[in-house]
Amino acid sequence: MTSDVKEIYSGGAPPAPAALAAKVRTLAPSMTRSMQRVAEAVAADPAGTAALTVTGLAELTGTSEATVVRTARLLGYPGYRDLRLALAGLAAHQESGAAPAVTADIAVDDPIADVVAKLAYDEQQTLADTAAGLDTVQLGAVVTASAAARRIDIYGVGASGLVGMDLAQKLLRIGLIAHAHSDPHLAVTNAVQLRPGDVAIAITHSGSTGDVIEPLRVAFDRGATTVAITGRPDGAVSQYADHVLTTSTARESELRPAAMSSRTSQLLVVDCLFVGVAQRTYETAAPALAASYEALAHRHTPRAR
């Protein structure tokens, strides 16, 4: 096995068989065309491809054995043997007539207590995966730039836009000038005003959201320090990012797609960034935070009956 194939598999438990189709949909855009053919084949016919050797699947898809192994590892399996086992399990599940899955491991008829337990476990794993993969050198550089910035602009749409708003309000409460933009037109017109010493942060799970990439490109051209928070470090957004903070990309399904499952990992990265900035600016951040609490205290005081 070549060294580049070894680097694709990040370790940890392989995804459950039921998660395979969602995993293929999620990762297909970032695959080469030959890898896409392999991924599409296994997702379309789990039983048939489970019966094939690595050579057989390579011949079926018009690819090479190395491509098949590389695809298996990109999908989260240590090797092709592990992918075959998952395919066999998925085929058996489909043939059993079991209740359809709402997420990778939650069935339509699962008791709500099981749903709570499974989702809680999933969230824990997402956080652990993100923490393990987060580049603290890159994070430290973003903290340094943000703590000294004249202004911080944050771009995100949909669920990522909500994460951007969360970061902006945190930074505002410790005295920094920060604005979150979910409207692509406002994002670009604000990015035009940035200059060296400012910071622009783009949040996009896919790494290919045009409405987020465009303002980051403008900020990059203006000389601002640019940051991408993304689950696809090889995505288009990264070409305009001075620093890339990677989030977990696993555990997605039709009713809990990337826009939802990615938010947990994005919020962890945002919290790490915020705390780092608060540490770096503590002498001004602490009084500012205390003042914001005091200003809002009367809104949290129970009214006399």
Foldseek 3Di string as FASTA:
>chain_A
DDPVLVVLAPDDDQAALLCLLQLLVQCVVVDDPLLNLLSVVCNVQLPVVLPDDLCRSCVVSVHDSVSNQSSCRNNRDNGVPRVSVSSVVNVVVVVVPDADAPFSPHGPPDDVVVVVVVVVVLLVVQQVVQVVPWDVVLLLVLLVLQLQAQEEEEEDEQLQLVLQVVLQVLCVLLPHHYDYDHDLVVLQVVLLPAADSYEYEYEDASLEDPSRQNSLQSNLVRNYAYEYEYQCCPHPSVVSHPGYTHGHDDTADDNQHCSRSRSSRSNSSSVSSSVSSCVVVVVRRVVSNVVVCVVCVVVVDDDDD
